[in-house]
Amino acid sequence: MPFSLAYRMAIRGKLSQYEQSVAIAHTVGIRKATITMKTKGQHAIQQGGLGTRLPHALRGAVFSSAGQDITKRGIDPNPVGIVWSKATVKRQSGPVDLLGVFQAGAVILPRKGRYLAVATKEAGGRNAKPMSDYPSTTFRISKPRKVGSGSNRVELVAIHRVKKEVWYLLFSVVRLRRRYNLDIIYQLTAASIPGLIDKTWQHESQKLEAMIGP
């Protein structure tokens, strides 16, 4: 029965080279899988119609068994690849991961009062102050000229009394539909890891075989 490559390397005093090649194969495989999960996830988020900034909140890194960052350089026999979200925002009810919200979809209800106030670009858009920060006499509440269609219908609008502009759209409920499926990307990427490691190992084992000869 032929001796294993590890045994033949060991009896020639080259076990450290063998262990290094094993670490290279595992690190390269995990590194490629982590990058794939991150880049495909970012593409899916962008394809979900969420702009070009939010996808970059999906981050990826590879760490050694000792916790060192080896995303770009370094090797380890048991590396760990992590892909996570940096799109966490603080809310009164606690931190909310926006990537998780658009992954699962959500129904948003007002915590206080009857309506959710969504700022228009005239009010400052995403940077607008909450409607409640203004004096009660700032706005005139009226029914919209166009209600719109779909699950999210504007029920009332808040018109700035001085500027004569619609500053807030009022909803009794806001439904966010699911925009993408990161789970399937994770499952397919995880299933590819053994093949990625094996492909690199084949290359490394060929170099080791050439090193020790027949």
N, C-alpha and C. Protein backbone atom coordinates (compact mmCIF):
# COMPACT_ATOMS: atom_id res chain seq x y z
N MET A 1 0.85 -1.19 0.00
CA MET A 1 0.00 0.00 0.00
C MET A 1 0.89 1.24 0.00
N PRO A 2 0.66 2.20 -0.90
CA PRO A 2 1.51 3.39 -0.97
C PRO A 2 1.33 4.25 0.28
N PHE A 3 2.43 4.83 0.72
CA PHE A 3 2.37 5.70 1.89
C PHE A 3 1.72 7.04 1.50
N SER A 4 1.08 7.62 2.48
CA SER A 4 0.43 8.90 2.23
C SER A 4 1.47 9.98 2.02
N LEU A 5 1.01 11.07 1.39
CA LEU A 5 1.90 12.20 1.15
C LEU A 5 2.40 12.78 2.47
N ALA A 6 1.52 12.84 3.47
CA ALA A 6 1.92 13.38 4.77
C ALA A 6 3.03 12.53 5.39
N TYR A 7 2.91 11.20 5.28
CA TYR A 7 3.92 10.30 5.85
C TYR A 7 5.25 10.47 5.14
N ARG A 8 5.23 10.52 3.80
CA ARG A 8 6.46 10.65 3.03
C ARG A 8 7.14 11.99 3.29
N MET A 9 6.34 13.04 3.51
CA MET A 9 6.92 14.33 3.85
C MET A 9 7.54 14.29 5.25
N ALA A 10 6.88 13.58 6.17
CA ALA A 10 7.35 13.51 7.55
C ALA A 10 8.69 12.78 7.65
N ILE A 11 8.81 11.65 6.97
CA ILE A 11 10.06 10.87 7.09
C ILE A 11 11.22 11.58 6.40
N ARG A 12 10.93 12.55 5.58
CA ARG A 12 11.99 13.34 4.94
C ARG A 12 12.25 14.66 5.69
N GLY A 13 11.59 14.79 6.84
CA GLY A 13 11.80 15.97 7.65
C GLY A 13 11.16 17.22 7.07
N LYS A 14 10.12 17.05 6.26
CA LYS A 14 9.47 18.18 5.60
C LYS A 14 7.99 18.30 6.00
N LEU A 15 7.69 17.87 7.21
CA LEU A 15 6.30 17.92 7.65
C LEU A 15 5.78 19.35 7.75
N SER A 16 6.68 20.28 8.09
CA SER A 16 6.25 21.68 8.21
C SER A 16 5.78 22.22 6.86
N GLN A 17 6.45 21.81 5.76
CA GLN A 17 6.01 22.24 4.43
C GLN A 17 4.64 21.67 4.10
N TYR A 18 4.43 20.41 4.52
CA TYR A 18 3.12 19.78 4.29
C TYR A 18 2.03 20.54 5.04
N GLU A 19 2.28 20.86 6.30
CA GLU A 19 1.29 21.57 7.10
C GLU A 19 1.03 22.96 6.55
N GLN A 20 2.06 23.58 6.01
CA GLN A 20 1.89 24.90 5.39
C GLN A 20 0.98 24.81 4.17
N SER A 21 1.18 23.77 3.36
CA SER A 21 0.34 23.59 2.18
C SER A 21 -1.11 23.34 2.55
N VAL A 22 -1.33 22.59 3.63
CA VAL A 22 -2.69 22.36 4.12
C VAL A 22 -3.33 23.69 4.54
N ALA A 23 -2.55 24.52 5.25
CA ALA A 23 -3.06 25.82 5.69
C ALA A 23 -3.37 26.71 4.49
N ILE A 24 -2.52 26.65 3.47
CA ILE A 24 -2.75 27.45 2.26
C ILE A 24 -4.06 27.04 1.60
N ALA A 25 -4.27 25.73 1.45
CA ALA A 25 -5.48 25.23 0.79
C ALA A 25 -6.74 25.67 1.54
N HIS A 26 -6.72 25.55 2.87
CA HIS A 26 -7.89 25.93 3.65
C HIS A 26 -8.11 27.45 3.61
N THR A 27 -7.03 28.21 3.72
CA THR A 27 -7.17 29.66 3.74
C THR A 27 -7.68 30.19 2.40
N VAL A 28 -7.10 29.70 1.31
CA VAL A 28 -7.51 30.16 -0.01
C VAL A 28 -8.97 29.80 -0.27
N GLY A 29 -9.36 28.59 0.11
CA GLY A 29 -10.75 28.17 -0.09
C GLY A 29 -11.73 29.04 0.67
N ILE A 30 -11.46 29.28 1.95
CA ILE A 30 -12.34 30.10 2.78
C ILE A 30 -12.33 31.55 2.31
N ARG A 31 -11.15 32.02 1.90
CA ARG A 31 -11.03 33.40 1.42
C ARG A 31 -11.88 33.62 0.17
N LYS A 32 -11.79 32.69 -0.77
CA LYS A 32 -12.58 32.80 -2.00
C LYS A 32 -14.08 32.73 -1.71
N ALA A 33 -14.47 31.84 -0.81
CA ALA A 33 -15.89 31.70 -0.47
C ALA A 33 -16.42 32.97 0.20
N THR A 34 -15.62 33.54 1.07
CA THR A 34 -16.03 34.76 1.77
C THR A 34 -16.20 35.92 0.80
N ILE A 35 -15.25 36.07 -0.11
CA ILE A 35 -15.34 37.14 -1.11
C ILE A 35 -16.55 36.92 -2.01
N THR A 36 -16.79 35.67 -2.39
CA THR A 36 -17.94 35.36 -3.25
C THR A 36 -19.25 35.70 -2.56
N MET A 37 -19.36 35.31 -1.29
CA MET A 37 -20.59 35.59 -0.54
C MET A 37 -20.82 37.09 -0.44
N LYS A 38 -19.76 37.83 -0.17
CA LYS A 38 -19.90 39.28 -0.01
C LYS A 38 -20.27 39.95 -1.34
N THR A 39 -19.53 39.64 -2.41
CA THR A 39 -19.77 40.32 -3.69
C THR A 39 -21.11 39.93 -4.29
N LYS A 40 -21.49 38.66 -4.22
CA LYS A 40 -22.79 38.25 -4.74
C LYS A 40 -23.92 38.83 -3.90
N GLY A 41 -23.70 38.92 -2.60
CA GLY A 41 -24.71 39.52 -1.73
C GLY A 41 -24.88 41.00 -2.03
N GLN A 42 -23.78 41.70 -2.23
CA GLN A 42 -23.86 43.12 -2.58
C GLN A 42 -24.58 43.33 -3.90
N HIS A 43 -24.31 42.46 -4.85
CA HIS A 43 -24.99 42.57 -6.15
C HIS A 43 -26.49 42.34 -5.99
N ALA A 44 -26.86 41.36 -5.18
CA ALA A 44 -28.29 41.07 -4.97
C ALA A 44 -28.99 42.25 -4.31
N ILE A 45 -28.33 42.88 -3.36
CA ILE A 45 -28.92 44.04 -2.67
C ILE A 45 -29.12 45.19 -3.64
N GLN A 46 -28.11 45.41 -4.49
CA GLN A 46 -28.24 46.49 -5.48
C GLN A 46 -29.32 46.18 -6.49
N GLN A 47 -29.41 44.93 -6.92
CA GLN A 47 -30.46 44.53 -7.85
C GLN A 47 -31.84 44.65 -7.23
N GLY A 48 -31.90 44.66 -5.90
CA GLY A 48 -33.18 44.82 -5.22
C GLY A 48 -33.70 46.24 -5.24
N GLY A 49 -32.94 47.13 -5.90
CA GLY A 49 -33.39 48.51 -6.05
C GLY A 49 -33.12 49.39 -4.84
N LEU A 50 -32.05 49.07 -4.10
CA LEU A 50 -31.75 49.81 -2.88
C LEU A 50 -30.56 50.75 -3.02
N GLY A 51 -30.25 51.12 -4.27
CA GLY A 51 -29.19 52.09 -4.49
C GLY A 51 -27.81 51.47 -4.49
N THR A 52 -26.80 52.32 -4.44
CA THR A 52 -25.42 51.86 -4.51
C THR A 52 -24.68 51.95 -3.18
N ARG A 53 -25.24 52.64 -2.19
CA ARG A 53 -24.56 52.78 -0.90
C ARG A 53 -24.84 51.62 0.04
N LEU A 54 -26.11 51.23 0.15
CA LEU A 54 -26.48 50.17 1.09
C LEU A 54 -25.75 48.85 0.84
N PRO A 55 -25.54 48.42 -0.42
CA PRO A 55 -24.83 47.15 -0.64
C PRO A 55 -23.46 47.10 0.02
N HIS A 56 -22.79 48.25 0.14
CA HIS A 56 -21.45 48.27 0.74
C HIS A 56 -21.49 48.07 2.25
N ALA A 57 -22.69 48.04 2.81
CA ALA A 57 -22.81 47.76 4.24
C ALA A 57 -22.62 46.27 4.53
N LEU A 58 -22.64 45.44 3.47
CA LEU A 58 -22.35 44.02 3.64
C LEU A 58 -20.84 43.84 3.59
N ARG A 59 -20.24 43.42 4.67
CA ARG A 59 -18.79 43.31 4.79
C ARG A 59 -18.37 41.84 4.90
N GLY A 60 -17.11 41.59 4.59
CA GLY A 60 -16.58 40.23 4.71
C GLY A 60 -15.14 40.25 5.16
N ALA A 61 -14.75 39.27 5.96
CA ALA A 61 -13.37 39.18 6.44
C ALA A 61 -13.06 37.73 6.79
N VAL A 62 -11.76 37.41 6.78
CA VAL A 62 -11.29 36.07 7.15
C VAL A 62 -10.36 36.21 8.35
N PHE A 63 -10.55 35.35 9.35
CA PHE A 63 -9.75 35.41 10.57
C PHE A 63 -9.07 34.07 10.83
N SER A 64 -7.90 34.14 11.43
CA SER A 64 -7.19 32.92 11.83
C SER A 64 -7.85 32.35 13.08
N SER A 65 -7.42 31.16 13.47
CA SER A 65 -7.97 30.54 14.68
C SER A 65 -7.61 31.33 15.93
N ALA A 66 -6.58 32.21 15.82
CA ALA A 66 -6.19 33.06 16.94
C ALA A 66 -6.89 34.41 16.90
N GLY A 67 -7.72 34.64 15.88
CA GLY A 67 -8.47 35.89 15.79
C GLY A 67 -7.80 36.98 14.98
N GLN A 68 -6.69 36.68 14.30
CA GLN A 68 -6.01 37.67 13.49
C GLN A 68 -6.70 37.82 12.13
N ASP A 69 -6.73 39.03 11.61
CA ASP A 69 -7.34 39.30 10.31
C ASP A 69 -6.38 38.84 9.20
N ILE A 70 -6.79 37.82 8.46
CA ILE A 70 -5.97 37.31 7.35
C ILE A 70 -6.76 37.40 6.04
N THR A 71 -7.58 38.42 5.95
CA THR A 71 -8.40 38.60 4.75
C THR A 71 -7.54 38.73 3.50
N LYS A 72 -6.45 39.46 3.60
CA LYS A 72 -5.61 39.73 2.43
C LYS A 72 -4.29 38.96 2.45
N ARG A 73 -3.75 38.73 3.62
CA ARG A 73 -2.48 38.00 3.69
C ARG A 73 -2.43 37.18 4.97
N GLY A 74 -1.59 36.13 4.93
CA GLY A 74 -1.50 35.22 6.06
C GLY A 74 -2.27 33.94 5.79
N ILE A 75 -1.89 32.87 6.47
CA ILE A 75 -2.57 31.58 6.31
C ILE A 75 -2.86 30.96 7.67
N ASP A 76 -3.79 30.03 7.70
CA ASP A 76 -4.14 29.34 8.93
C ASP A 76 -4.81 28.02 8.56
N PRO A 77 -4.53 26.95 9.30
CA PRO A 77 -5.15 25.66 8.96
C PRO A 77 -6.65 25.61 9.24
N ASN A 78 -7.13 26.49 10.12
CA ASN A 78 -8.55 26.52 10.46
C ASN A 78 -9.10 27.94 10.41
N PRO A 79 -9.09 28.56 9.25
CA PRO A 79 -9.57 29.94 9.15
C PRO A 79 -11.10 30.01 9.25
N VAL A 80 -11.57 31.19 9.58
CA VAL A 80 -13.01 31.43 9.69
C VAL A 80 -13.36 32.62 8.82
N GLY A 81 -14.31 32.44 7.90
CA GLY A 81 -14.79 33.53 7.07
C GLY A 81 -16.10 34.06 7.61
N ILE A 82 -16.22 35.37 7.72
CA ILE A 82 -17.42 35.99 8.26
C ILE A 82 -17.93 37.06 7.30
N VAL A 83 -19.22 37.04 7.03
CA VAL A 83 -19.88 38.09 6.25
C VAL A 83 -20.97 38.67 7.14
N TRP A 84 -20.95 40.00 7.32
CA TRP A 84 -21.88 40.60 8.25
C TRP A 84 -22.38 41.95 7.73
N SER A 85 -23.40 42.45 8.40
CA SER A 85 -24.02 43.72 8.01
C SER A 85 -23.54 44.86 8.90
N LYS A 86 -23.23 46.00 8.26
CA LYS A 86 -22.90 47.22 8.99
C LYS A 86 -24.03 48.24 8.87
N ALA A 87 -25.18 47.77 8.40
CA ALA A 87 -26.31 48.69 8.18
C ALA A 87 -27.24 48.71 9.38
N THR A 88 -26.68 48.80 10.57
CA THR A 88 -27.49 48.82 11.79
C THR A 88 -27.79 50.27 12.18
N VAL A 89 -29.05 50.54 12.41
CA VAL A 89 -29.46 51.88 12.84
C VAL A 89 -30.14 51.77 14.21
N LYS A 90 -30.02 52.83 14.98
CA LYS A 90 -30.62 52.84 16.31
C LYS A 90 -32.05 53.36 16.25
N ARG A 91 -32.91 52.63 16.89
CA ARG A 91 -34.31 53.04 17.02
C ARG A 91 -34.70 52.96 18.49
N GLN A 92 -35.80 53.56 18.84
CA GLN A 92 -36.23 53.56 20.24
C GLN A 92 -36.45 52.15 20.75
N SER A 93 -36.87 51.26 19.87
CA SER A 93 -37.11 49.87 20.28
C SER A 93 -35.83 49.04 20.30
N GLY A 94 -34.70 49.62 19.83
CA GLY A 94 -33.44 48.90 19.80
C GLY A 94 -32.80 48.97 18.43
N PRO A 95 -31.60 48.40 18.26
CA PRO A 95 -30.93 48.44 16.96
C PRO A 95 -31.67 47.62 15.91
N VAL A 96 -31.67 48.13 14.68
CA VAL A 96 -32.37 47.47 13.57
C VAL A 96 -31.37 47.30 12.42
N ASP A 97 -31.26 46.08 11.91
CA ASP A 97 -30.38 45.80 10.78
C ASP A 97 -31.19 45.99 9.49
N LEU A 98 -30.85 47.02 8.72
CA LEU A 98 -31.61 47.32 7.51
C LEU A 98 -31.51 46.20 6.48
N LEU A 99 -30.34 45.57 6.39
CA LEU A 99 -30.20 44.47 5.43
C LEU A 99 -31.12 43.31 5.80
N GLY A 100 -31.28 43.08 7.10
CA GLY A 100 -32.19 42.03 7.55
C GLY A 100 -33.64 42.38 7.28
N VAL A 101 -33.96 43.66 7.41
CA VAL A 101 -35.34 44.12 7.16
C VAL A 101 -35.73 43.87 5.70
N PHE A 102 -34.84 44.27 4.77
CA PHE A 102 -35.16 44.11 3.36
C PHE A 102 -34.99 42.67 2.89
N GLN A 103 -34.30 41.86 3.68
CA GLN A 103 -34.20 40.43 3.37
C GLN A 103 -35.50 39.71 3.71
N ALA A 104 -36.12 40.09 4.82
CA ALA A 104 -37.33 39.41 5.28
C ALA A 104 -38.61 40.14 4.92
N GLY A 105 -38.50 41.46 4.68
CA GLY A 105 -39.72 42.24 4.54
C GLY A 105 -40.23 42.64 5.92
N ALA A 106 -41.07 43.62 5.99
CA ALA A 106 -41.54 44.07 7.31
C ALA A 106 -42.82 44.87 7.18
N VAL A 107 -43.54 44.91 8.28
CA VAL A 107 -44.72 45.76 8.40
C VAL A 107 -44.43 46.75 9.51
N ILE A 108 -44.45 48.04 9.19
CA ILE A 108 -44.12 49.08 10.15
C ILE A 108 -45.39 49.80 10.58
N LEU A 109 -45.62 49.83 11.88
CA LEU A 109 -46.79 50.49 12.45
C LEU A 109 -46.34 51.68 13.29
N PRO A 110 -47.16 52.69 13.41
CA PRO A 110 -46.78 53.84 14.24
C PRO A 110 -46.72 53.45 15.71
N ARG A 111 -45.67 53.92 16.42
CA ARG A 111 -45.55 53.65 17.85
C ARG A 111 -46.42 54.60 18.65
N LYS A 112 -46.55 55.82 18.13
CA LYS A 112 -47.38 56.82 18.80
C LYS A 112 -48.32 57.45 17.77
N GLY A 113 -49.53 57.67 18.16
CA GLY A 113 -50.48 58.28 17.24
C GLY A 113 -51.00 57.30 16.20
N ARG A 114 -51.65 57.84 15.19
CA ARG A 114 -52.30 57.00 14.18
C ARG A 114 -51.49 56.84 12.91
N TYR A 115 -50.50 57.73 12.68
CA TYR A 115 -49.83 57.74 11.39
C TYR A 115 -48.31 57.74 11.49
N LEU A 116 -47.70 57.20 10.43
CA LEU A 116 -46.26 57.29 10.22
C LEU A 116 -46.01 58.44 9.27
N ALA A 117 -45.11 59.33 9.63
CA ALA A 117 -44.81 60.49 8.80
C ALA A 117 -43.51 60.24 8.03
N VAL A 118 -43.60 60.22 6.72
CA VAL A 118 -42.43 60.02 5.85
C VAL A 118 -42.12 61.34 5.17
N ALA A 119 -40.91 61.83 5.38
CA ALA A 119 -40.52 63.14 4.86
C ALA A 119 -40.33 63.11 3.35
N THR A 120 -40.73 64.16 2.69
CA THR A 120 -40.47 64.33 1.26
C THR A 120 -39.12 65.04 1.08
N LYS A 121 -38.69 65.18 -0.17
CA LYS A 121 -37.41 65.86 -0.42
C LYS A 121 -37.49 67.33 -0.02
N GLU A 122 -38.68 67.92 -0.07
CA GLU A 122 -38.85 69.31 0.34
C GLU A 122 -38.56 69.49 1.84
N ALA A 123 -38.82 68.44 2.60
CA ALA A 123 -38.57 68.50 4.05
C ALA A 123 -37.14 68.12 4.40
N GLY A 124 -36.42 67.58 3.42
CA GLY A 124 -35.04 67.16 3.69
C GLY A 124 -34.78 65.69 3.47
N GLY A 125 -35.83 64.96 3.04
CA GLY A 125 -35.65 63.54 2.76
C GLY A 125 -35.17 62.76 3.97
N ARG A 126 -34.13 61.95 3.77
CA ARG A 126 -33.61 61.11 4.85
C ARG A 126 -33.01 61.94 5.98
N ASN A 127 -32.61 63.15 5.68
CA ASN A 127 -32.00 64.02 6.70
C ASN A 127 -33.01 64.94 7.38
N ALA A 128 -34.27 64.74 7.08
CA ALA A 128 -35.30 65.62 7.63
C ALA A 128 -35.50 65.39 9.13
N LYS A 129 -35.93 66.43 9.80
CA LYS A 129 -36.27 66.29 11.22
C LYS A 129 -37.61 65.56 11.33
N PRO A 130 -37.86 64.91 12.46
CA PRO A 130 -39.18 64.31 12.66
C PRO A 130 -40.26 65.39 12.60
N MET A 131 -41.40 65.04 12.10
CA MET A 131 -42.49 66.01 11.99
C MET A 131 -42.88 66.55 13.36
N SER A 132 -42.73 65.72 14.39
CA SER A 132 -43.10 66.12 15.75
C SER A 132 -42.20 67.21 16.31
N ASP A 133 -41.04 67.45 15.67
CA ASP A 133 -40.13 68.50 16.16
C ASP A 133 -40.63 69.91 15.82
N TYR A 134 -41.58 70.00 14.91
CA TYR A 134 -42.09 71.31 14.50
C TYR A 134 -43.31 71.69 15.36
N PRO A 135 -43.53 72.98 15.52
CA PRO A 135 -44.75 73.42 16.23
C PRO A 135 -46.00 72.89 15.53
N SER A 136 -47.02 72.67 16.29
CA SER A 136 -48.24 72.06 15.74
C SER A 136 -48.90 72.91 14.66
N THR A 137 -48.58 74.21 14.64
CA THR A 137 -49.20 75.10 13.65
C THR A 137 -48.41 75.18 12.34
N THR A 138 -47.31 74.43 12.24
CA THR A 138 -46.44 74.52 11.05
C THR A 138 -47.12 73.96 9.82
N PHE A 139 -47.92 72.92 9.98
CA PHE A 139 -48.47 72.21 8.83
C PHE A 139 -49.99 72.22 8.81
N ARG A 140 -50.48 72.12 7.62
CA ARG A 140 -51.92 71.93 7.39
C ARG A 140 -52.10 70.50 6.88
N ILE A 141 -52.93 69.73 7.56
CA ILE A 141 -53.16 68.33 7.20
C ILE A 141 -54.31 68.25 6.21
N SER A 142 -54.06 67.54 5.12
CA SER A 142 -55.08 67.45 4.07
C SER A 142 -55.03 66.07 3.42
N LYS A 143 -56.10 65.73 2.74
CA LYS A 143 -56.12 64.49 1.98
C LYS A 143 -55.34 64.70 0.69
N PRO A 144 -54.61 63.69 0.24
CA PRO A 144 -53.80 63.84 -0.98
C PRO A 144 -54.67 63.89 -2.23
N ARG A 145 -54.17 64.56 -3.24
CA ARG A 145 -54.89 64.60 -4.52
C ARG A 145 -54.85 63.24 -5.20
N LYS A 146 -53.68 62.56 -5.04
CA LYS A 146 -53.53 61.22 -5.61
C LYS A 146 -53.17 60.25 -4.49
N VAL A 147 -53.98 59.26 -4.31
CA VAL A 147 -53.76 58.29 -3.24
C VAL A 147 -52.69 57.29 -3.63
N GLY A 148 -52.64 56.94 -4.91
CA GLY A 148 -51.69 55.95 -5.38
C GLY A 148 -52.25 54.55 -5.26
N SER A 149 -51.47 53.58 -5.70
CA SER A 149 -51.91 52.20 -5.67
C SER A 149 -50.89 51.35 -4.92
N GLY A 150 -51.20 50.08 -4.74
CA GLY A 150 -50.28 49.19 -4.05
C GLY A 150 -50.61 49.09 -2.58
N SER A 151 -49.71 48.42 -1.83
CA SER A 151 -49.97 48.18 -0.41
C SER A 151 -49.77 49.41 0.44
N ASN A 152 -48.92 50.35 -0.01
CA ASN A 152 -48.65 51.55 0.77
C ASN A 152 -49.38 52.74 0.14
N ARG A 153 -50.44 53.15 0.77
CA ARG A 153 -51.24 54.25 0.26
C ARG A 153 -51.16 55.45 1.20
N VAL A 154 -50.91 56.60 0.61
CA VAL A 154 -50.85 57.82 1.41
C VAL A 154 -52.27 58.19 1.84
N GLU A 155 -52.45 58.34 3.12
CA GLU A 155 -53.78 58.66 3.63
C GLU A 155 -53.96 60.16 3.84
N LEU A 156 -52.88 60.83 4.28
CA LEU A 156 -52.93 62.27 4.49
C LEU A 156 -51.57 62.88 4.12
N VAL A 157 -51.55 64.17 3.89
CA VAL A 157 -50.29 64.87 3.65
C VAL A 157 -50.20 66.07 4.58
N ALA A 158 -48.97 66.41 4.95
CA ALA A 158 -48.73 67.58 5.79
C ALA A 158 -48.13 68.68 4.92
N ILE A 159 -48.86 69.76 4.73
CA ILE A 159 -48.44 70.87 3.86
C ILE A 159 -47.91 72.01 4.72
N HIS A 160 -46.70 72.45 4.40
CA HIS A 160 -46.10 73.57 5.13
C HIS A 160 -46.92 74.84 4.86
N ARG A 161 -47.40 75.47 5.91
CA ARG A 161 -48.31 76.61 5.74
C ARG A 161 -47.64 77.80 5.06
N VAL A 162 -46.36 77.99 5.27
CA VAL A 162 -45.66 79.15 4.69
C VAL A 162 -45.15 78.83 3.30
N LYS A 163 -44.48 77.69 3.14
CA LYS A 163 -43.86 77.34 1.86
C LYS A 163 -44.85 76.73 0.86
N LYS A 164 -46.01 76.32 1.36
CA LYS A 164 -47.04 75.74 0.50
C LYS A 164 -46.54 74.47 -0.20
N GLU A 165 -45.74 73.69 0.50
CA GLU A 165 -45.18 72.46 -0.05
C GLU A 165 -45.58 71.28 0.82
N VAL A 166 -45.68 70.10 0.19
CA VAL A 166 -45.95 68.88 0.95
C VAL A 166 -44.64 68.42 1.58
N TRP A 167 -44.57 68.40 2.88
CA TRP A 167 -43.34 68.04 3.57
C TRP A 167 -43.39 66.61 4.12
N TYR A 168 -44.57 66.11 4.42
CA TYR A 168 -44.66 64.75 4.98
C TYR A 168 -45.86 64.01 4.39
N LEU A 169 -45.65 62.74 4.14
CA LEU A 169 -46.72 61.84 3.73
C LEU A 169 -47.08 60.99 4.93
N LEU A 170 -48.36 60.86 5.20
CA LEU A 170 -48.81 60.15 6.39
C LEU A 170 -49.44 58.80 6.01
N PHE A 171 -48.93 57.76 6.63
CA PHE A 171 -49.41 56.39 6.39
C PHE A 171 -49.86 55.79 7.71
N SER A 172 -50.89 54.98 7.66
CA SER A 172 -51.30 54.24 8.86
C SER A 172 -50.47 52.98 9.04
N VAL A 173 -49.91 52.50 7.93
CA VAL A 173 -49.03 51.33 7.96
C VAL A 173 -48.13 51.39 6.72
N VAL A 174 -46.90 50.93 6.88
CA VAL A 174 -45.97 50.86 5.76
C VAL A 174 -45.48 49.41 5.64
N ARG A 175 -45.65 48.84 4.48
CA ARG A 175 -45.21 47.47 4.24
C ARG A 175 -43.97 47.49 3.34
N LEU A 176 -42.89 46.90 3.83
CA LEU A 176 -41.66 46.78 3.05
C LEU A 176 -41.58 45.37 2.48
N ARG A 177 -41.58 45.26 1.18
CA ARG A 177 -41.52 43.94 0.56
C ARG A 177 -40.10 43.37 0.61
N ARG A 178 -40.02 42.07 0.51
CA ARG A 178 -38.72 41.42 0.47
C ARG A 178 -38.03 41.77 -0.84
N ARG A 179 -36.77 42.22 -0.76
CA ARG A 179 -36.06 42.70 -1.94
C ARG A 179 -35.05 41.70 -2.49
N TYR A 180 -34.56 40.78 -1.67
CA TYR A 180 -33.52 39.86 -2.12
C TYR A 180 -33.49 38.64 -1.20
N ASN A 181 -32.71 37.64 -1.58
CA ASN A 181 -32.59 36.41 -0.78
C ASN A 181 -31.11 36.08 -0.59
N LEU A 182 -30.56 36.54 0.51
CA LEU A 182 -29.17 36.26 0.81
C LEU A 182 -28.97 34.82 1.30
N ASP A 183 -30.04 34.20 1.81
CA ASP A 183 -29.92 32.84 2.34
C ASP A 183 -29.48 31.86 1.26
N ILE A 184 -30.07 31.96 0.08
CA ILE A 184 -29.71 31.01 -0.98
C ILE A 184 -28.28 31.23 -1.44
N ILE A 185 -27.83 32.49 -1.44
CA ILE A 185 -26.44 32.78 -1.80
C ILE A 185 -25.50 32.15 -0.77
N TYR A 186 -25.86 32.25 0.51
CA TYR A 186 -25.05 31.66 1.58
C TYR A 186 -24.99 30.13 1.43
N GLN A 187 -26.14 29.52 1.17
CA GLN A 187 -26.19 28.06 1.06
C GLN A 187 -25.34 27.55 -0.10
N LEU A 188 -25.46 28.22 -1.25
CA LEU A 188 -24.69 27.79 -2.43
C LEU A 188 -23.19 28.03 -2.22
N THR A 189 -22.86 29.14 -1.59
CA THR A 189 -21.45 29.43 -1.34
C THR A 189 -20.85 28.44 -0.35
N ALA A 190 -21.60 28.15 0.72
CA ALA A 190 -21.11 27.19 1.72
C ALA A 190 -20.89 25.81 1.09
N ALA A 191 -21.78 25.43 0.19
CA ALA A 191 -21.65 24.12 -0.46
C ALA A 191 -20.43 24.06 -1.38
N SER A 192 -19.94 25.21 -1.82
CA SER A 192 -18.80 25.24 -2.74
C SER A 192 -17.45 25.18 -2.03
N ILE A 193 -17.44 25.34 -0.71
CA ILE A 193 -16.18 25.43 0.02
C ILE A 193 -15.31 24.18 -0.11
N PRO A 194 -15.84 22.95 0.06
CA PRO A 194 -14.98 21.77 -0.10
C PRO A 194 -14.30 21.72 -1.46
N GLY A 195 -15.03 22.08 -2.52
CA GLY A 195 -14.45 22.08 -3.86
C GLY A 195 -13.36 23.12 -4.02
N LEU A 196 -13.55 24.30 -3.41
CA LEU A 196 -12.55 25.36 -3.48
C LEU A 196 -11.27 24.94 -2.76
N ILE A 197 -11.42 24.31 -1.60
CA ILE A 197 -10.26 23.84 -0.85
C ILE A 197 -9.54 22.74 -1.62
N ASP A 198 -10.31 21.80 -2.17
CA ASP A 198 -9.73 20.68 -2.90
C ASP A 198 -8.96 21.16 -4.14
N LYS A 199 -9.49 22.17 -4.83
CA LYS A 199 -8.82 22.67 -6.02
C LYS A 199 -7.45 23.25 -5.67
N THR A 200 -7.38 24.01 -4.60
CA THR A 200 -6.09 24.57 -4.17
C THR A 200 -5.17 23.47 -3.66
N TRP A 201 -5.73 22.49 -2.96
CA TRP A 201 -4.90 21.40 -2.42
C TRP A 201 -4.27 20.59 -3.56
N GLN A 202 -4.99 20.37 -4.61
CA GLN A 202 -4.41 19.64 -5.75
C GLN A 202 -3.16 20.35 -6.27
N HIS A 203 -3.23 21.63 -6.36
CA HIS A 203 -2.07 22.41 -6.82
C HIS A 203 -0.93 22.32 -5.81
N GLU A 204 -1.25 22.45 -4.53
CA GLU A 204 -0.23 22.39 -3.49
C GLU A 204 0.40 21.00 -3.40
N SER A 205 -0.41 19.94 -3.50
CA SER A 205 0.12 18.57 -3.38
C SER A 205 1.04 18.24 -4.55
N GLN A 206 0.75 18.80 -5.71
CA GLN A 206 1.64 18.59 -6.86
C GLN A 206 3.01 19.20 -6.60
N LYS A 207 3.04 20.35 -5.97
CA LYS A 207 4.32 20.99 -5.63
C LYS A 207 5.07 20.16 -4.59
N LEU A 208 4.34 19.56 -3.64
CA LEU A 208 4.98 18.75 -2.63
C LEU A 208 5.53 17.45 -3.22
N GLU A 209 4.78 16.86 -4.11
CA GLU A 209 5.23 15.62 -4.78
C GLU A 209 6.51 15.90 -5.57
N ALA A 210 6.56 17.03 -6.22
CA ALA A 210 7.78 17.38 -6.98
C ALA A 210 8.94 17.63 -6.05
N MET A 211 8.67 18.09 -4.84
CA MET A 211 9.72 18.40 -3.89
C MET A 211 10.40 17.13 -3.37
N ILE A 212 9.60 16.05 -3.11
CA ILE A 212 10.18 14.85 -2.51
C ILE A 212 10.50 13.77 -3.53
N GLY A 213 9.93 13.87 -4.72
CA GLY A 213 10.21 12.88 -5.76
C GLY A 213 9.48 11.58 -5.48
N PRO A 214 9.75 10.55 -6.28
CA PRO A 214 9.06 9.25 -6.13
C PRO A 214 9.43 8.55 -4.82
